[in-house]
Protein backbone atom coordinates (compact mmCIF):
# COMPACT_ATOMS: atom_id res chain seq x y z
CA MET A 1 0.00 0.00 0.00
CA PRO A 2 2.15 2.86 -1.19
CA THR A 3 1.39 6.07 0.68
CA VAL A 4 1.36 8.91 -1.83
CA LEU A 5 0.55 11.83 0.46
CA ARG A 6 -0.03 12.67 4.09
CA HIS A 7 -2.11 15.76 4.75
CA ARG A 8 -2.84 16.61 8.38
CA ALA A 9 -4.52 13.50 9.81
CA TYR A 10 -5.18 11.93 6.39
CA ARG A 11 -3.23 9.18 4.70
CA ILE A 12 -3.70 9.04 0.92
CA TYR A 13 -2.58 5.84 -0.76
CA PHE A 14 -3.41 3.14 -3.27
CA TYR A 15 -3.20 -0.61 -3.15
CA SER A 16 -0.44 -2.20 -5.17
CA HIS A 17 -2.78 -4.93 -6.45
CA GLU A 18 -5.44 -2.75 -8.13
CA PRO A 19 -3.88 -1.97 -11.53
CA ASN A 20 -6.97 -3.02 -13.49
CA GLU A 21 -9.11 -0.24 -12.01
CA PRO A 22 -9.00 3.35 -13.21
CA PRO A 23 -6.59 5.61 -11.28
CA HIS A 24 -7.87 6.19 -7.76
CA VAL A 25 -6.75 6.71 -4.19
CA HIS A 26 -7.93 5.67 -0.78
CA VAL A 27 -8.02 8.21 2.03
CA ASP A 28 -8.00 7.12 5.67
CA ARG A 29 -8.25 8.87 9.01
CA ASP A 30 -8.57 6.77 12.13
CA ASN A 31 -11.25 4.18 11.28
CA LEU A 32 -12.77 6.25 8.44
CA SER A 33 -12.06 5.57 4.78
CA ALA A 34 -13.01 6.83 1.35
CA LYS A 35 -12.07 6.00 -2.22
CA PHE A 36 -11.82 8.64 -4.95
CA TRP A 37 -11.47 8.20 -8.69
CA LEU A 38 -8.87 10.63 -10.06
CA ASN A 39 -10.03 11.31 -13.65
CA PRO A 40 -12.18 13.20 -12.95
CA VAL A 41 -12.01 13.44 -9.17
CA SER A 42 -15.19 11.87 -7.82
CA LEU A 43 -16.21 9.85 -4.81
CA ALA A 44 -16.38 6.09 -5.32
CA VAL A 45 -16.90 4.87 -1.74
CA ASN A 46 -17.36 6.48 1.65
CA LEU A 47 -16.99 4.48 4.85
CA GLY A 48 -17.83 6.78 7.72
CA PHE A 49 -16.79 10.32 6.82
CA SER A 50 -19.41 12.99 7.50
CA ALA A 51 -20.59 14.98 4.48
CA ARG A 52 -18.69 18.03 5.72
CA GLU A 53 -15.41 16.21 6.22
CA LEU A 54 -15.86 14.33 2.97
CA ARG A 55 -16.02 17.66 1.10
CA GLN A 56 -12.75 18.67 2.78
CA VAL A 57 -11.11 15.38 1.84
CA GLU A 58 -12.32 15.70 -1.75
CA GLN A 59 -10.78 19.18 -1.90
CA ILE A 60 -7.44 17.78 -0.77
CA VAL A 61 -7.61 15.16 -3.51
CA ARG A 62 -8.55 17.82 -6.10
CA GLU A 63 -5.68 20.08 -5.04
CA ASN A 64 -3.21 17.21 -5.40
CA GLN A 65 -4.77 15.47 -8.41
CA ILE A 66 -1.76 15.88 -10.70
CA GLN A 67 0.65 14.51 -8.10
CA LEU A 68 -1.66 11.61 -7.31
CA VAL A 69 -2.16 10.65 -10.97
CA GLU A 70 1.60 10.87 -11.58
CA ALA A 71 2.25 8.60 -8.59
CA TRP A 72 -0.34 6.09 -9.87
CA ASN A 73 1.08 6.12 -13.39
CA GLY A 74 4.64 5.88 -12.13
CA TYR A 75 3.88 2.98 -9.82
CA PHE A 76 1.99 1.02 -12.45
CA SER A 77 4.40 2.15 -15.26
CA ILE A 78 1.70 3.74 -17.37
CA GLY A 79 2.81 6.04 -20.14
CA GLY A 80 6.46 5.63 -19.62
């Protein structure tokens, strides 16, 4: 599970065994988790985040979208 970014209490990562899915990240804080597609950024799964916090998490993903997509593509050797 490569961690791509840590932002405050959030860990943003992807699983190394999900290369057949479109680019996405998982975001965890404590026992809460969400999954976001990256192109375009959109929520795939929410496991416990409140609507308010989920909007904040989505904003973090949006602000770091380029870095997250580059990390995904680099890890799975896409386009290079």
